Amino acid sequence: MAHEELASAAQNLAPGLYLVATPIGNLSDITLRALDVLRGVDRIACEDTRQTQKLLNHFSIATPTVSCHEHNERERARELVVELANGARIALVSDAGTPAVSDPGQWLVREAIAAGVRVIPIPGANAAICALVASGLPIAEFQFLGFLPEKTGARRTYLEALAAEAREQARTLVFYEAPHRIAETLEDLEFVWGPELRVALARELTKIHEEFVRGTVAEARQALGERERIRGEFTLVVEAPVKTAASSTAEKIGERVARIVAENGIDEKEALKRLARELDRSKSELYRELQRERASRR
């Protein structure tokens, strides 16, 4: 593009905050509009300026950058919103994909809107949508839930709560997961929904080693278990059924605890301990299921 054309594109760019999606792996996935915006704005707010600079260098873009990440976003937002309110044109990008989707940016967007600044989305690559459409699972109704809790107990509790939700039809859930946690997450999914749960794992989307593992959760666990090392970021797509093994088990917890209390003349706490031993499960898991059962009856 000639220098005169670049200058014209910059002059025609309206003031506002531009949310620019960037490639999640393959640099060719950048859109022509995204490149025009990145060239035309006054500066680019980046999750990691070093990562973004690689992209800018590849496309010979010289726009100044400034950091805007999870640790400084609120402070940086005040500065950027002042500039935006005075007519600046600022692009917001994450390291990869669409900004503010499991990445920094949501706070800045809210502050910009509150200040009356125009916010313009520039669509492009998104790992959740890429994985969903290639999963082979139903996509008429889906729910993106970002990253699951890191700790095993919290993660399983979260999945059990999803399984216990009253739904008239099955729906597809989409999660992001790190390579060092994916095996444990699949184990939790099997525990909550059973081994026949249908899943699709998308790894290294749009990159050279892009891979899909499709089938039951038991099959996915076996496939990953055969590898010496699990690498790459995962997008996990799950077809969550309406009726689940976890929810049917949870419906029986209160009755079984009450029976143990009546038969042995012990309190509920001790009855939970005995039931946990009988089912080879932790007392805390059974207690959480009991509480969810009671809450659903209120």
Protein backbone atom coordinates (compact mmCIF):
# COMPACT_ATOMS: atom_id res chain seq x y z
CA MET A 1 0.00 0.00 0.00
CA ALA A 2 1.41 3.39 -0.99
CA HIS A 3 2.22 6.03 1.62
CA GLU A 4 -0.63 8.24 0.38
CA GLU A 5 -3.12 5.35 0.74
CA LEU A 6 -1.92 4.62 4.27
CA ALA A 7 -2.36 8.26 5.26
CA SER A 8 -5.84 8.32 3.74
CA ALA A 9 -6.87 5.18 5.64
CA ALA A 10 -5.67 6.72 8.89
CA GLN A 11 -7.52 9.97 8.27
CA ASN A 12 -10.77 8.13 7.48
CA LEU A 13 -10.68 6.07 10.67
CA ALA A 14 -13.30 7.40 13.10
CA PRO A 15 -12.42 8.12 16.73
CA GLY A 16 -13.17 5.31 19.16
CA LEU A 17 -12.00 2.09 20.78
CA TYR A 18 -11.42 -0.71 18.28
CA LEU A 19 -11.54 -4.30 19.56
CA VAL A 20 -9.31 -6.07 17.05
CA ALA A 21 -9.21 -9.84 16.79
CA THR A 22 -5.74 -11.17 15.98
CA PRO A 23 -4.60 -14.61 14.73
CA ILE A 24 -4.67 -17.52 17.19
CA GLY A 25 -1.88 -19.29 15.34
CA ASN A 26 -1.75 -18.80 11.60
CA LEU A 27 -0.80 -15.20 10.80
CA SER A 28 -2.73 -15.40 7.54
CA ASP A 29 -5.96 -15.39 9.54
CA ILE A 30 -5.64 -11.63 10.17
CA THR A 31 -8.35 -9.73 8.29
CA LEU A 32 -7.72 -6.89 5.86
CA ARG A 33 -9.91 -4.65 8.01
CA ALA A 34 -7.89 -5.50 11.12
CA LEU A 35 -4.68 -4.51 9.34
CA ASP A 36 -6.22 -1.21 8.22
CA VAL A 37 -7.30 -0.45 11.78
CA LEU A 38 -3.94 -1.37 13.32
CA ARG A 39 -2.23 0.94 10.82
CA GLY A 40 -4.71 3.75 11.26
CA VAL A 41 -5.16 4.08 15.03
CA ASP A 42 -3.10 6.42 17.17
CA ARG A 43 -1.84 3.57 19.33
CA ILE A 44 -2.49 -0.05 20.20
CA ALA A 45 -3.24 -1.29 23.74
CA CYS A 46 -1.75 -4.80 24.06
CA GLU A 47 -1.98 -7.69 26.51
CA ASP A 48 1.76 -8.17 25.86
CA THR A 49 3.53 -5.54 23.76
CA ARG A 50 6.31 -8.00 22.89
CA GLN A 51 3.89 -10.53 21.48
CA THR A 52 1.95 -7.91 19.52
CA GLN A 53 5.15 -6.40 18.16
CA LYS A 54 5.91 -9.69 16.39
CA LEU A 55 2.59 -9.38 14.56
CA LEU A 56 3.15 -5.72 13.74
CA ASN A 57 6.65 -6.37 12.45
CA HIS A 58 5.38 -9.16 10.22
CA PHE A 59 2.94 -6.79 8.54
CA SER A 60 5.26 -3.72 8.64
CA ILE A 61 3.01 -1.75 10.99
CA ALA A 62 4.70 1.03 12.97
CA THR A 63 1.83 2.12 15.24
CA PRO A 64 2.97 2.79 18.84
CA THR A 65 1.92 0.26 21.49
CA VAL A 66 1.13 0.42 25.20
CA SER A 67 0.55 -2.40 27.67
CA CYS A 68 -2.94 -3.20 28.94
CA HIS A 69 -2.94 -6.51 30.80
CA GLU A 70 -4.68 -8.10 33.78
CA HIS A 71 -2.39 -6.42 36.31
CA ASN A 72 -2.65 -2.82 35.04
CA GLU A 73 -5.90 -2.68 33.08
CA ARG A 74 -7.89 -0.57 35.53
CA GLU A 75 -5.15 2.01 35.88
CA ARG A 76 -4.42 2.01 32.16
CA ALA A 77 -8.12 2.30 31.32
CA ARG A 78 -8.34 5.68 33.03
CA GLU A 79 -5.52 6.99 30.88
CA LEU A 80 -6.87 5.54 27.65
CA VAL A 81 -10.44 6.68 28.24
CA VAL A 82 -9.24 10.28 28.66
CA GLU A 83 -7.53 10.04 25.28
CA LEU A 84 -10.57 8.41 23.71
CA ALA A 85 -12.88 11.09 25.10
CA ASN A 86 -10.64 13.67 23.40
CA GLY A 87 -11.06 12.00 20.02
CA ALA A 88 -8.26 9.43 19.97
CA ARG A 89 -8.41 6.22 17.95
CA ILE A 90 -7.13 3.28 20.01
CA ALA A 91 -7.05 -0.42 19.16
CA LEU A 92 -7.24 -3.10 21.84
CA VAL A 93 -5.67 -6.49 21.14
CA SER A 94 -4.91 -9.62 23.16
CA ASP A 95 -2.02 -11.96 22.50
CA ALA A 96 -4.26 -14.06 20.27
CA GLY A 97 -7.92 -14.14 19.32
CA THR A 98 -10.68 -11.73 20.26
CA PRO A 99 -9.86 -9.31 23.10
CA ALA A 100 -11.85 -9.56 26.36
CA VAL A 101 -12.78 -13.22 25.68
CA SER A 102 -10.96 -14.94 28.57
CA ASP A 103 -8.38 -12.15 28.14
CA PRO A 104 -7.97 -8.57 29.41
CA GLY A 105 -10.15 -5.84 27.97
CA GLN A 106 -13.57 -6.05 29.56
CA TRP A 107 -12.86 -3.31 32.08
CA LEU A 108 -11.59 -0.93 29.42
CA VAL A 109 -14.65 -1.60 27.26
CA ARG A 110 -16.99 -0.84 30.16
CA GLU A 111 -15.17 2.37 31.04
CA ALA A 112 -15.17 3.52 27.43
CA ILE A 113 -18.91 2.90 27.10
CA ALA A 114 -19.57 4.71 30.39
CA ALA A 115 -17.64 7.71 29.04
CA GLY A 116 -19.74 7.79 25.89
CA VAL A 117 -16.92 6.57 23.67
CA ARG A 118 -17.78 4.59 20.56
CA VAL A 119 -16.65 0.93 20.78
CA ILE A 120 -16.14 -0.84 17.44
CA PRO A 121 -15.60 -4.64 17.23
CA ILE A 122 -13.32 -5.85 14.44
CA PRO A 123 -14.17 -9.56 14.06
CA GLY A 124 -11.70 -12.32 13.40
CA ALA A 125 -10.19 -15.47 14.87
CA ASN A 126 -11.69 -17.05 17.99
CA ALA A 127 -10.64 -20.45 19.34
CA ALA A 128 -14.01 -21.29 20.90
CA ILE A 129 -15.95 -20.81 17.66
CA CYS A 130 -13.31 -22.61 15.58
CA ALA A 131 -13.44 -25.64 17.89
CA LEU A 132 -17.23 -25.61 18.10
CA VAL A 133 -17.95 -25.61 14.36
CA ALA A 134 -15.42 -28.39 13.72
CA SER A 135 -16.39 -30.51 16.73
CA GLY A 136 -19.18 -32.47 15.07
CA LEU A 137 -21.34 -31.82 18.14
CA PRO A 138 -24.68 -29.93 18.08
CA ILE A 139 -24.26 -26.16 17.83
CA ALA A 140 -27.86 -24.93 17.73
CA GLU A 141 -27.50 -24.11 21.43
CA PHE A 142 -24.09 -23.67 23.01
CA GLN A 143 -22.55 -21.96 26.02
CA PHE A 144 -19.01 -20.63 26.26
CA LEU A 145 -17.68 -20.85 29.83
CA GLY A 146 -14.01 -19.94 29.48
CA PHE A 147 -11.44 -21.55 31.76
CA LEU A 148 -12.54 -24.06 34.38
CA PRO A 149 -11.40 -23.66 38.01
CA GLU A 150 -7.78 -24.74 38.46
CA LYS A 151 -8.22 -26.77 41.66
CA THR A 152 -9.70 -30.24 41.37
CA GLY A 153 -12.36 -29.82 44.06
CA ALA A 154 -13.60 -26.50 42.75
CA ARG A 155 -13.58 -27.77 39.16
CA ARG A 156 -15.60 -30.86 39.98
CA THR A 157 -18.08 -28.83 42.03
CA TYR A 158 -18.51 -26.43 39.11
CA LEU A 159 -19.14 -29.28 36.66
CA GLU A 160 -21.56 -30.95 39.05
CA ALA A 161 -23.50 -27.70 39.30
CA LEU A 162 -23.72 -27.54 35.50
CA ALA A 163 -24.92 -31.14 35.40
CA ALA A 164 -27.59 -30.44 38.03
CA GLU A 165 -29.13 -27.55 36.08
CA ALA A 166 -32.63 -28.31 34.89
CA ARG A 167 -32.60 -28.28 31.08
CA GLU A 168 -35.27 -29.29 28.58
CA GLN A 169 -32.70 -30.29 25.98
CA ALA A 170 -29.02 -31.11 25.75
CA ARG A 171 -26.65 -28.27 25.00
CA THR A 172 -23.02 -27.96 24.02
CA LEU A 173 -20.49 -26.41 26.40
CA VAL A 174 -17.17 -24.89 25.36
CA PHE A 175 -14.19 -24.48 27.69
CA TYR A 176 -10.55 -23.49 27.46
CA GLU A 177 -8.02 -25.70 29.25
CA ALA A 178 -4.26 -25.80 29.78
CA PRO A 179 -2.23 -28.85 28.72
CA HIS A 180 -1.13 -29.70 32.26
CA ARG A 181 -4.77 -29.84 33.46
CA ILE A 182 -6.58 -31.41 30.51
CA ALA A 183 -6.18 -35.02 31.75
CA GLU A 184 -7.64 -34.19 35.17
CA THR A 185 -10.46 -32.22 33.58
CA LEU A 186 -11.41 -35.18 31.38
CA GLU A 187 -11.39 -37.39 34.48
CA ASP A 188 -13.78 -34.97 36.20
CA LEU A 189 -16.05 -34.88 33.14
CA GLU A 190 -16.25 -38.66 33.14
CA PHE A 191 -17.01 -38.69 36.86
CA VAL A 192 -19.83 -36.17 36.49
CA TRP A 193 -21.43 -37.26 33.20
CA GLY A 194 -20.18 -40.80 32.69
CA PRO A 195 -17.78 -42.45 30.21
CA GLU A 196 -20.15 -42.12 27.21
CA LEU A 197 -20.18 -38.31 27.33
CA ARG A 198 -19.41 -37.00 23.83
CA VAL A 199 -16.53 -34.54 23.63
CA ALA A 200 -14.18 -32.94 21.13
CA LEU A 201 -10.70 -31.69 22.00
CA ALA A 202 -9.18 -29.06 19.72
CA ARG A 203 -5.45 -28.57 20.17
CA GLU A 204 -3.15 -25.95 18.62
CA LEU A 205 -5.93 -24.48 16.47
CA THR A 206 -4.81 -22.98 13.12
CA LYS A 207 -1.19 -23.95 13.83
CA ILE A 208 1.00 -26.53 12.08
CA HIS A 209 0.16 -29.24 14.62
CA GLU A 210 -3.58 -28.56 14.76
CA GLU A 211 -5.40 -31.64 16.02
CA PHE A 212 -8.91 -32.79 16.93
CA VAL A 213 -9.72 -35.70 19.23
CA ARG A 214 -13.41 -36.61 18.92
CA GLY A 215 -15.43 -39.34 20.62
CA THR A 216 -16.49 -40.27 24.14
CA VAL A 217 -14.71 -38.80 27.13
CA ALA A 218 -13.38 -42.28 27.93
CA GLU A 219 -11.88 -42.52 24.44
CA ALA A 220 -10.38 -39.04 24.73
CA ARG A 221 -8.79 -39.95 28.07
CA GLN A 222 -7.31 -43.09 26.57
CA ALA A 223 -5.94 -41.18 23.56
CA LEU A 224 -4.19 -38.59 25.72
CA GLY A 225 -3.05 -41.19 28.22
CA GLU A 226 -1.01 -42.92 25.52
CA ARG A 227 1.14 -39.83 25.00
CA GLU A 228 4.42 -39.26 26.75
CA ARG A 229 3.70 -35.56 27.03
CA ILE A 230 0.65 -33.39 26.40
CA ARG A 231 1.43 -30.10 24.70
CA GLY A 232 -0.49 -27.12 23.32
CA GLU A 233 -3.50 -25.15 24.46
CA PHE A 234 -6.84 -26.97 24.34
CA THR A 235 -10.37 -25.93 23.53
CA LEU A 236 -12.78 -28.48 24.98
CA VAL A 237 -16.27 -28.98 23.51
CA VAL A 238 -18.75 -31.06 25.51
CA GLU A 239 -22.25 -32.28 24.61
CA ALA A 240 -23.86 -32.07 28.04
CA PRO A 241 -26.93 -34.34 28.25
CA VAL A 242 -30.13 -33.45 30.07
CA LYS A 243 -30.14 -36.40 32.47
CA THR A 244 -26.82 -37.21 34.06
CA ALA A 245 -25.37 -39.86 36.28
CA ALA A 246 -24.23 -37.18 38.69
CA SER A 247 -27.65 -35.59 39.08
CA SER A 248 -29.41 -38.96 39.55
CA THR A 249 -26.85 -39.91 42.20
CA ALA A 250 -27.33 -36.55 43.93
CA GLU A 251 -31.09 -37.20 44.18
CA LYS A 252 -30.42 -40.25 46.33
CA ILE A 253 -27.91 -38.75 48.75
CA GLY A 254 -30.48 -37.24 51.13
CA GLU A 255 -32.53 -40.44 51.31
CA ARG A 256 -29.47 -42.61 51.90
CA VAL A 257 -28.13 -40.32 54.62
CA ALA A 258 -31.54 -40.26 56.33
CA ARG A 259 -31.69 -44.07 56.24
CA ILE A 260 -28.23 -44.43 57.79
CA VAL A 261 -29.15 -41.93 60.52
CA ALA A 262 -32.39 -43.80 61.30
CA GLU A 263 -30.85 -47.26 61.26
CA ASN A 264 -27.80 -46.44 63.36
CA GLY A 265 -28.93 -43.61 65.61
CA ILE A 266 -26.07 -41.35 64.51
CA ASP A 267 -25.96 -37.75 63.36
CA GLU A 268 -25.83 -36.58 59.75
CA LYS A 269 -22.10 -35.85 59.86
CA GLU A 270 -21.25 -39.40 60.84
CA ALA A 271 -23.77 -40.76 58.33
CA LEU A 272 -22.00 -38.85 55.55
CA LYS A 273 -18.68 -40.36 56.62
CA ARG A 274 -20.12 -43.88 56.42
CA LEU A 275 -21.76 -43.24 53.05
CA ALA A 276 -18.52 -41.80 51.70
CA ARG A 277 -16.69 -45.01 52.67
CA GLU A 278 -19.46 -47.12 51.15
CA LEU A 279 -19.34 -45.25 47.83
CA ASP A 280 -15.55 -44.76 47.88
CA ARG A 281 -16.01 -41.01 47.55
CA SER A 282 -14.95 -38.05 49.63
CA LYS A 283 -17.21 -36.74 52.35
CA SER A 284 -16.91 -33.20 51.02
CA GLU A 285 -18.21 -34.25 47.58
CA LEU A 286 -21.24 -35.96 49.10
CA TYR A 287 -21.90 -32.95 51.31
CA ARG A 288 -21.88 -30.62 48.29
CA GLU A 289 -24.32 -32.89 46.46
CA LEU A 290 -26.57 -33.00 49.51
CA GLN A 291 -26.60 -29.21 49.73
CA ARG A 292 -27.43 -28.85 46.03
CA GLU A 293 -30.26 -31.36 46.39
CA ARG A 294 -31.74 -29.40 49.28
CA ALA A 295 -31.34 -26.08 47.48
CA SER A 296 -33.21 -27.42 44.43
CA ARG A 297 -36.23 -28.29 46.63
CA ARG A 298 -36.63 -24.78 48.05
